[in-house]
Amino acid sequence: MGRLWLFGGKGGVGKTTTSAATALWLARAGFRTLVVSSDPAHSTSDSLEYPLGPEPTPVADEENLWGMELDPESTLEQVLPRFSDAMSGSMGNSMTGMFTGLDAETVREEMDQVEASQLMIPGLDEALAFDQLLRYVEDPRFDIIIFDTAPTGHTLRFLSLPEVLDTWMDRILRYYRMTGGIRMMMFGAKKQDAMRDELERFQRRVAHVRRVLSDSELSNFTLVTIPEQMAVSETRRAAEALKEYGITVNGVIANRVTPDLEHPFIQARRETEQGYLQELKELFGGLPVAEIALGESDVHGLEHLSQLAEELHGECPPPPEGMDTVTVSNGIPVSLRRGLIINRSSGELRVEMFLPAANKDELKLRSEGEDLFIGVNGREARIAVGYEIKVKDAEARFENDVLCLTVTDESLD
């Protein structure tokens, strides 16, 4: 399971740039890194100058870097059933009019309105993005997932979603109760039960995502801002709101800080900014407040991102060895460890996976050809091991959140 590092803040302060630069820096340090964005404008693709899709895509020739841009709206139908189809599929046109006194077209129009206006409750698109994201956080192939979040307000809407869903579920199911007796008499309660079950499953997944975000052993949340009054004020409000949900901020990045140059205008501007930077340092106590100077040009492409990353984090550390925890970055220190190690030596294949908080009794393993499949929290990840492994022949050990599989075979070289 990879660590989740979220970059949040006001729109336009540089979240995409700093998250992409950080992902590139970590990948070059030897960590298998996935950078994810839920921005429909495809800003991460623009920042990397490399096209990304809705699935992890290798970035250029970077050995350890993948990127993806989520499309929550396209997955809506996969998460929740289409209510209008369920309703119209439950009763024939003639029976609809007989029992409701309305013609079928009127009922269909009403259900279409339910689908458009009721499904997209505040925070639902963010919930879908986080639900997709969790699939990769729980994938041991990645050591760290960098998430370029939507502007702060959208993220906070998602965090309040479990409470909103309680009211929303009642609202949706009210439509079912209006015709529930008719459908149960004619077709049984299967569709209504399926609707309720799917809503409850989605509600549990949303609650699980929030638990992951509030676990400092699994997640980090870094706020990105600029040294201006409105941005600093929003950063303060965001930190307070995140604290209410049990999410700890691990640092602040102050972007586009005016450099110290001899010019009256620049010095006046810098003096104002230094006051806001001091306010940030006092507000966040002992947390790091990393500064990125305003450059002479905009930042895009791997070369510029690499330069910015070095300014923010320092030189790349040596590649990690084994599964020991290491602390990286001078600007915003964070603890990392590998999520997956595959060692193949003479007569032995050893696969180690870091699976924090996984229940040993709920882990599922199977093999298919040279692929190993591991199921955690109801999701299955595929791991290419390069050898036709049979799980039943492997020695398995689960200690200190690390699952170790060892296969002994003389044919291994």
Protein backbone atom coordinates (compact mmCIF):
# COMPACT_ATOMS: atom_id res chain seq x y z
CA MET A 1 0.00 0.00 0.00
CA GLY A 2 1.40 3.35 -0.99
CA ARG A 3 1.48 6.51 1.08
CA LEU A 4 -0.99 9.14 -0.06
CA TRP A 5 0.38 12.68 -0.31
CA LEU A 6 -2.28 15.28 -1.09
CA PHE A 7 -1.65 18.81 -2.30
CA GLY A 8 -4.52 21.18 -1.61
CA GLY A 9 -5.30 24.86 -1.57
CA LYS A 10 -6.97 27.73 -3.34
CA GLY A 11 -7.34 27.52 -7.11
CA GLY A 12 -4.47 29.02 -9.08
CA VAL A 13 -1.76 28.92 -6.41
CA GLY A 14 0.36 26.18 -7.99
CA LYS A 15 -0.97 22.86 -6.66
CA THR A 16 -0.59 21.12 -10.01
CA THR A 17 2.95 22.41 -10.56
CA THR A 18 4.22 21.54 -7.08
CA SER A 19 2.54 18.12 -7.05
CA ALA A 20 3.90 17.21 -10.50
CA ALA A 21 7.39 18.43 -9.54
CA THR A 22 7.27 16.42 -6.30
CA ALA A 23 6.15 13.29 -8.16
CA LEU A 24 9.03 13.63 -10.63
CA TRP A 25 11.53 14.18 -7.78
CA LEU A 26 10.33 11.09 -5.89
CA ALA A 27 10.37 8.95 -9.02
CA ARG A 28 13.96 9.93 -9.74
CA ALA A 29 14.79 9.10 -6.11
CA GLY A 30 13.74 5.51 -6.81
CA PHE A 31 10.17 5.46 -5.50
CA ARG A 32 7.44 4.05 -7.75
CA THR A 33 5.26 7.15 -7.95
CA LEU A 34 1.78 7.76 -9.30
CA VAL A 35 0.61 11.36 -9.71
CA VAL A 36 -3.16 11.71 -9.91
CA SER A 37 -5.40 14.66 -10.74
CA SER A 38 -9.16 15.08 -10.72
CA ASP A 39 -8.98 18.32 -12.72
CA PRO A 40 -11.13 17.94 -15.88
CA ALA A 41 -8.95 20.59 -17.58
CA HIS A 42 -6.06 18.06 -17.83
CA SER A 43 -3.64 20.47 -16.17
CA THR A 44 -1.31 17.68 -15.03
CA SER A 45 -0.83 16.57 -18.65
CA ASP A 46 -0.02 20.19 -19.52
CA SER A 47 2.41 20.49 -16.61
CA LEU A 48 4.28 17.30 -17.50
CA GLU A 49 3.89 18.00 -21.22
CA TYR A 50 2.85 14.40 -21.60
CA PRO A 51 -0.65 13.02 -22.35
CA LEU A 52 -2.32 11.12 -19.50
CA GLY A 53 -5.48 9.06 -19.43
CA PRO A 54 -7.96 7.69 -16.87
CA GLU A 55 -5.61 4.78 -16.02
CA PRO A 56 -1.97 4.91 -14.78
CA THR A 57 0.15 5.94 -17.76
CA PRO A 58 3.98 5.73 -17.82
CA VAL A 59 5.36 9.27 -18.16
CA ALA A 60 7.90 9.70 -20.97
CA ASP A 61 11.09 7.73 -20.21
CA GLU A 62 10.83 8.17 -16.44
CA GLU A 63 11.33 4.67 -15.04
CA ASN A 64 9.32 5.09 -11.82
CA LEU A 65 6.70 7.69 -12.77
CA TRP A 66 3.09 7.13 -13.80
CA GLY A 67 0.32 9.70 -14.16
CA MET A 68 -3.44 9.66 -14.53
CA GLU A 69 -6.33 12.11 -14.71
CA LEU A 70 -9.54 10.93 -13.11
CA ASP A 71 -12.90 11.38 -14.79
CA PRO A 72 -15.45 10.98 -11.95
CA GLU A 73 -18.50 11.75 -14.07
CA SER A 74 -17.74 8.90 -16.46
CA THR A 75 -17.77 6.43 -13.57
CA LEU A 76 -21.02 7.62 -12.03
CA GLU A 77 -23.05 4.85 -13.65
CA GLN A 78 -20.59 2.25 -12.36
CA VAL A 79 -20.99 3.42 -8.78
CA LEU A 80 -24.73 4.00 -8.61
CA PRO A 81 -27.49 2.40 -10.68
CA ARG A 82 -29.46 4.57 -13.10
CA PHE A 83 -32.58 5.35 -11.15
CA SER A 84 -34.72 6.20 -14.13
CA ASP A 85 -33.89 2.89 -15.82
CA ALA A 86 -34.64 1.01 -12.64
CA MET A 87 -37.95 2.75 -12.22
CA SER A 88 -39.07 2.46 -15.83
CA GLY A 89 -37.84 -1.14 -15.94
CA SER A 90 -39.96 -2.05 -12.97
CA MET A 91 -43.32 -1.31 -14.55
CA GLY A 92 -44.71 -1.47 -18.05
CA ASN A 93 -46.20 1.61 -19.68
CA SER A 94 -49.79 0.47 -19.35
CA MET A 95 -49.44 -0.56 -15.73
CA THR A 96 -47.78 2.77 -14.88
CA GLY A 97 -50.82 4.70 -15.98
CA MET A 98 -53.21 2.27 -14.32
CA PHE A 99 -51.68 2.62 -10.88
CA THR A 100 -50.37 6.19 -10.90
CA GLY A 101 -52.85 8.03 -13.08
CA LEU A 102 -49.91 9.42 -15.09
CA ASP A 103 -48.85 8.56 -18.62
CA ALA A 104 -45.52 6.76 -19.07
CA GLU A 105 -43.85 9.77 -20.72
CA THR A 106 -44.59 11.96 -17.69
CA VAL A 107 -43.12 9.34 -15.34
CA ARG A 108 -39.99 9.02 -17.49
CA GLU A 109 -39.50 12.80 -17.52
CA GLU A 110 -39.84 12.88 -13.75
CA MET A 111 -37.25 10.13 -13.35
CA ASP A 112 -34.90 11.92 -15.74
CA GLN A 113 -35.13 14.99 -13.51
CA VAL A 114 -34.32 12.85 -10.49
CA GLU A 115 -31.25 11.51 -12.25
CA ALA A 116 -29.95 14.92 -13.26
CA SER A 117 -30.69 16.92 -10.14
CA GLN A 118 -30.57 14.39 -7.34
CA LEU A 119 -27.53 12.29 -8.25
CA MET A 120 -25.02 15.13 -8.40
CA ILE A 121 -25.26 16.16 -4.78
CA PRO A 122 -22.53 18.47 -3.48
CA GLY A 123 -19.37 16.45 -2.96
CA LEU A 124 -20.42 13.43 -5.04
CA ASP A 125 -17.94 14.12 -7.86
CA GLU A 126 -15.15 14.50 -5.29
CA ALA A 127 -16.28 11.27 -3.60
CA LEU A 128 -16.04 9.41 -6.89
CA ALA A 129 -12.55 10.81 -7.45
CA PHE A 130 -11.39 9.74 -3.99
CA ASP A 131 -13.04 6.33 -4.39
CA GLN A 132 -11.10 5.78 -7.62
CA LEU A 133 -7.95 7.09 -5.96
CA LEU A 134 -8.21 4.60 -3.10
CA ARG A 135 -8.01 1.77 -5.61
CA TYR A 136 -4.42 2.78 -6.34
CA VAL A 137 -3.51 3.68 -2.76
CA GLU A 138 -4.27 0.06 -1.88
CA ASP A 139 -2.23 -1.22 -4.84
CA PRO A 140 1.18 -2.42 -3.56
CA ARG A 141 2.81 -1.68 -6.92
CA PHE A 142 3.06 2.01 -5.99
CA ASP A 143 5.20 3.35 -3.15
CA ILE A 144 3.52 6.74 -3.10
CA ILE A 145 0.52 8.40 -4.72
CA ILE A 146 0.64 12.16 -5.21
CA PHE A 147 -2.85 13.65 -5.48
CA ASP A 148 -3.40 17.08 -6.97
CA THR A 149 -6.75 17.79 -5.34
CA ALA A 150 -9.53 20.04 -6.52
CA PRO A 151 -9.66 23.53 -4.95
CA THR A 152 -10.11 23.48 -1.18
CA GLY A 153 -13.88 23.97 -1.17
CA HIS A 154 -14.42 20.85 -3.28
CA THR A 155 -12.25 18.73 -0.99
CA LEU A 156 -14.08 19.94 2.10
CA ARG A 157 -17.43 19.19 0.45
CA PHE A 158 -16.31 15.61 0.02
CA LEU A 159 -15.26 15.32 3.67
CA SER A 160 -18.79 16.30 4.74
CA LEU A 161 -20.35 13.81 2.33
CA PRO A 162 -21.05 10.93 4.78
CA GLU A 163 -23.45 13.16 6.70
CA VAL A 164 -24.98 14.53 3.49
CA LEU A 165 -25.51 11.00 2.19
CA ASP A 166 -27.79 10.16 5.11
CA THR A 167 -30.25 12.83 4.02
CA TRP A 168 -29.70 12.15 0.33
CA MET A 169 -30.45 8.44 0.63
CA ASP A 170 -33.75 9.20 2.30
CA ARG A 171 -34.59 11.65 -0.50
CA ILE A 172 -33.87 9.14 -3.26
CA LEU A 173 -35.62 6.25 -1.54
CA ARG A 174 -38.70 8.43 -1.08
CA TYR A 175 -39.33 8.03 -4.81
CA TYR A 176 -39.18 4.30 -4.33
CA ARG A 177 -41.63 4.38 -1.46
CA MET A 178 -44.12 6.29 -3.65
CA THR A 179 -44.43 3.29 -5.96
CA GLY A 180 -42.88 0.64 -3.76
CA GLY A 181 -46.12 -1.18 -2.94
CA ILE A 182 -47.02 -1.45 -6.61
CA ARG A 183 -43.63 -2.86 -7.60
CA MET A 184 -43.48 -5.27 -4.71
CA MET A 185 -46.93 -6.58 -5.61
CA MET A 186 -46.02 -7.03 -9.26
CA PHE A 187 -42.28 -7.70 -9.33
CA GLY A 188 -41.03 -8.20 -5.75
CA ALA A 189 -38.60 -6.09 -3.75
CA LYS A 190 -35.36 -7.05 -5.52
CA LYS A 191 -34.82 -3.73 -7.30
CA GLN A 192 -35.54 -1.69 -4.21
CA ASP A 193 -33.17 -3.86 -2.16
CA ALA A 194 -30.48 -3.55 -4.85
CA MET A 195 -30.82 0.23 -4.78
CA ARG A 196 -30.50 0.39 -1.02
CA ASP A 197 -27.57 -2.05 -0.96
CA GLU A 198 -25.64 -0.07 -3.59
CA LEU A 199 -26.19 3.20 -1.77
CA GLU A 200 -25.05 1.69 1.51
CA ARG A 201 -21.95 0.17 -0.11
CA PHE A 202 -21.05 3.55 -1.58
CA GLN A 203 -21.60 5.21 1.79
CA ARG A 204 -19.22 2.71 3.43
CA ARG A 205 -16.56 3.37 0.77
CA VAL A 206 -16.81 7.12 1.33
CA ALA A 207 -16.40 6.61 5.08
CA HIS A 208 -13.39 4.36 4.44
CA VAL A 209 -11.70 7.00 2.28
CA ARG A 210 -12.16 9.56 5.04
CA ARG A 211 -10.57 7.15 7.53
CA VAL A 212 -7.53 6.77 5.27
CA LEU A 213 -7.22 10.55 4.90
CA SER A 214 -7.30 11.03 8.67
CA ASP A 215 -4.60 8.39 9.34
CA SER A 216 -1.25 10.18 9.51
CA GLU A 217 0.52 6.84 9.05
CA LEU A 218 -1.04 6.53 5.60
CA SER A 219 -1.61 10.11 4.39
CA ASN A 220 -0.05 13.55 4.30
CA PHE A 221 -1.83 16.77 3.40
CA THR A 222 0.26 19.72 2.24
CA LEU A 223 -1.37 23.10 1.68
CA VAL A 224 -0.14 25.23 -1.21
CA THR A 225 -0.61 29.00 -1.15
CA ILE A 226 0.87 32.30 -2.30
CA PRO A 227 1.89 35.24 -0.07
CA GLU A 228 -1.27 37.29 -0.54
CA GLN A 229 -4.04 38.11 1.92
CA MET A 230 -6.89 36.15 0.30
CA ALA A 231 -4.77 33.05 -0.26
CA VAL A 232 -3.36 33.07 3.27
CA SER A 233 -6.84 33.55 4.74
CA GLU A 234 -8.17 30.57 2.78
CA THR A 235 -5.17 28.51 3.84
CA ARG A 236 -5.99 29.25 7.48
CA ARG A 237 -9.66 28.30 7.01
CA ALA A 238 -8.68 25.12 5.16
CA ALA A 239 -6.35 24.03 7.95
CA GLU A 240 -9.08 24.63 10.55
CA ALA A 241 -11.64 22.68 8.51
CA LEU A 242 -9.25 19.78 7.90
CA LYS A 243 -8.53 19.63 11.62
CA GLU A 244 -12.24 19.22 12.32
CA TYR A 245 -12.19 16.06 10.19
CA GLY A 246 -9.08 14.74 11.92
CA ILE A 247 -6.78 15.44 8.97
CA THR A 248 -3.36 16.77 9.92
CA VAL A 249 -1.51 19.23 7.70
CA ASN A 250 2.19 18.32 7.45
CA GLY A 251 3.39 21.60 5.99
CA VAL A 252 2.75 24.59 3.74
CA ILE A 253 4.29 25.54 0.41
CA ALA A 254 4.39 29.28 -0.25
CA ASN A 255 4.67 29.62 -4.00
CA ARG A 256 5.70 32.56 -6.17
CA VAL A 257 7.58 34.48 -3.46
CA THR A 258 9.11 37.68 -4.86
CA PRO A 259 12.94 37.40 -4.88
CA ASP A 260 15.16 39.87 -3.01
CA LEU A 261 16.23 42.25 -5.78
CA GLU A 262 17.33 45.86 -5.61
CA HIS A 263 14.34 47.74 -6.97
CA PRO A 264 11.88 49.96 -5.05
CA PHE A 265 8.77 48.24 -6.43
CA ILE A 266 10.14 44.74 -5.83
CA GLN A 267 11.32 45.61 -2.32
CA ALA A 268 7.89 47.05 -1.44
CA ARG A 269 6.17 43.98 -2.79
CA ARG A 270 8.58 41.68 -0.96
CA GLU A 271 8.07 43.49 2.33
CA THR A 272 4.30 42.92 2.07
CA GLU A 273 4.81 39.25 1.24
CA GLN A 274 7.20 38.71 4.14
CA GLY A 275 4.47 39.84 6.49
CA TYR A 276 2.13 37.16 5.13
CA LEU A 277 4.89 34.54 5.30
CA GLN A 278 5.48 35.41 8.94
CA GLU A 279 1.73 35.05 9.54
CA LEU A 280 1.84 31.56 8.01
CA LYS A 281 4.79 30.53 10.18
CA GLU A 282 3.02 31.71 13.32
CA LEU A 283 -0.23 30.08 12.27
CA PHE A 284 1.33 26.67 11.65
CA GLY A 285 3.69 26.68 14.59
CA GLY A 286 6.55 24.26 14.12
CA LEU A 287 5.39 22.95 10.76
CA PRO A 288 7.62 23.62 7.76
CA VAL A 289 6.70 26.55 5.51
CA ALA A 290 8.68 25.97 2.32
CA GLU A 291 9.17 28.88 -0.07
CA ILE A 292 9.43 28.78 -3.85
CA ALA A 293 10.71 31.94 -5.48
CA LEU A 294 8.86 33.58 -8.36
CA GLY A 295 10.79 32.62 -11.47
CA GLU A 296 11.41 34.54 -14.65
CA SER A 297 9.23 32.16 -16.65
CA ASP A 298 6.34 29.77 -16.07
CA VAL A 299 7.02 26.16 -15.09
CA HIS A 300 6.10 23.31 -17.42
CA GLY A 301 7.90 20.29 -18.82
CA LEU A 302 10.16 17.81 -17.02
CA GLU A 303 13.26 20.01 -17.03
CA HIS A 304 11.55 23.00 -15.38
CA LEU A 305 9.68 20.74 -12.95
CA SER A 306 12.95 19.10 -11.94
CA GLN A 307 14.51 22.50 -11.20
CA LEU A 308 11.53 23.55 -9.09
CA ALA A 309 11.56 20.21 -7.24
CA GLU A 310 15.21 20.63 -6.33
CA GLU A 311 14.48 24.12 -4.98
CA LEU A 312 11.61 22.74 -2.92
CA HIS A 313 12.97 19.37 -1.76
CA GLY A 314 16.75 19.50 -2.26
CA GLU A 315 18.88 16.96 -4.06
CA CYS A 316 17.41 13.53 -4.73
CA PRO A 317 18.27 11.06 -1.95
CA PRO A 318 19.87 7.70 -2.78
CA PRO A 319 17.42 4.93 -3.79
CA PRO A 320 15.86 3.21 -0.77
CA GLU A 321 16.98 -0.27 0.20
CA GLY A 322 14.62 -2.92 1.51
CA MET A 323 11.41 -1.91 3.26
CA ASP A 324 12.86 0.36 5.90
CA THR A 325 11.17 3.74 6.43
CA VAL A 326 13.17 6.74 5.20
CA THR A 327 12.54 10.47 5.53
CA VAL A 328 12.88 12.52 2.35
CA SER A 329 12.63 16.22 1.32
CA ASN A 330 14.29 19.18 2.96
CA GLY A 331 11.30 21.45 2.35
CA ILE A 332 8.38 19.25 3.46
CA PRO A 333 9.83 16.16 5.19
CA VAL A 334 7.78 12.99 4.74
CA SER A 335 8.37 9.36 5.74
CA LEU A 336 8.22 6.77 2.97
CA ARG A 337 8.84 3.09 2.42
CA ARG A 338 8.54 0.78 -0.53
CA GLY A 339 5.17 -0.88 -1.17
CA LEU A 340 6.53 -3.86 -3.11
CA ILE A 341 9.84 -5.66 -3.46
CA ILE A 342 10.42 -8.66 -5.72
CA ASN A 343 13.74 -10.49 -5.30
CA ARG A 344 14.68 -13.40 -7.51
CA SER A 345 17.80 -15.33 -6.59
CA SER A 346 19.19 -18.79 -7.16
CA GLY A 347 16.41 -21.25 -6.40
CA GLU A 348 14.12 -18.72 -4.68
CA LEU A 349 11.54 -16.04 -5.48
CA ARG A 350 10.65 -13.64 -2.69
CA VAL A 351 7.75 -11.14 -2.90
CA GLU A 352 7.28 -8.58 -0.10
CA MET A 353 4.25 -6.27 0.07
CA PHE A 354 3.58 -3.49 2.56
CA LEU A 355 -0.11 -3.73 3.55
CA PRO A 356 -0.74 -1.46 6.57
CA ALA A 357 -4.00 -1.95 8.48
CA ALA A 358 -4.86 -4.99 6.35
CA ASN A 359 -6.73 -7.78 8.12
CA LYS A 360 -4.77 -11.02 7.73
CA ASP A 361 -7.97 -13.07 7.63
CA GLU A 362 -9.42 -10.94 4.82
CA LEU A 363 -6.39 -10.99 2.50
CA LYS A 364 -7.01 -12.89 -0.72
CA LEU A 365 -4.29 -14.32 -2.92
CA ARG A 366 -4.45 -16.08 -6.26
CA SER A 367 -2.15 -16.58 -9.21
CA GLU A 368 -2.64 -16.67 -12.95
CA GLY A 369 0.35 -17.43 -15.13
CA GLU A 370 3.17 -15.08 -14.15
CA ASP A 371 0.80 -12.69 -12.36
CA LEU A 372 -0.03 -12.58 -8.68
CA PHE A 373 -3.38 -11.13 -7.61
CA ILE A 374 -3.89 -9.77 -4.11
CA GLY A 375 -7.24 -8.70 -2.70
CA VAL A 376 -7.39 -6.03 0.02
CA ASN A 377 -10.58 -4.32 1.24
CA GLY A 378 -12.60 -5.82 -1.58
CA ARG A 379 -10.22 -4.61 -4.32
CA GLU A 380 -7.80 -6.77 -6.30
CA ALA A 381 -4.40 -5.68 -7.61
CA ARG A 382 -2.32 -7.49 -10.22
CA ILE A 383 1.43 -7.88 -9.69
CA ALA A 384 3.66 -9.15 -12.49
CA VAL A 385 6.30 -11.35 -10.81
CA GLY A 386 7.94 -12.71 -13.97
CA TYR A 387 7.57 -16.31 -12.88
CA GLU A 388 4.70 -18.79 -13.01
CA ILE A 389 3.92 -18.86 -9.32
CA LYS A 390 1.37 -21.07 -7.58
CA VAL A 391 0.08 -19.54 -4.36
CA LYS A 392 -0.58 -22.94 -2.79
CA ASP A 393 3.13 -23.79 -3.15
CA ALA A 394 4.33 -20.52 -1.60
CA GLU A 395 5.35 -20.00 2.01
CA ALA A 396 3.38 -17.00 3.31
CA ARG A 397 4.16 -14.86 6.35
CA PHE A 398 2.41 -11.65 7.49
CA GLU A 399 4.31 -9.62 10.09
CA ASN A 400 4.52 -5.91 10.90
CA ASP A 401 2.13 -5.07 8.04
CA VAL A 402 4.39 -6.83 5.50
CA LEU A 403 3.20 -9.87 3.59
CA CYS A 404 6.11 -12.05 2.48
CA LEU A 405 5.69 -14.85 -0.07
CA THR A 406 8.59 -17.21 -0.72
CA VAL A 407 8.69 -19.78 -3.52
CA THR A 408 11.50 -22.31 -3.69
CA ASP A 409 12.21 -23.79 -7.11
CA GLU A 410 15.48 -25.11 -8.48
CA SER A 411 14.56 -23.76 -11.93
CA LEU A 412 14.86 -20.21 -10.64
CA ASP A 413 18.20 -18.62 -11.49
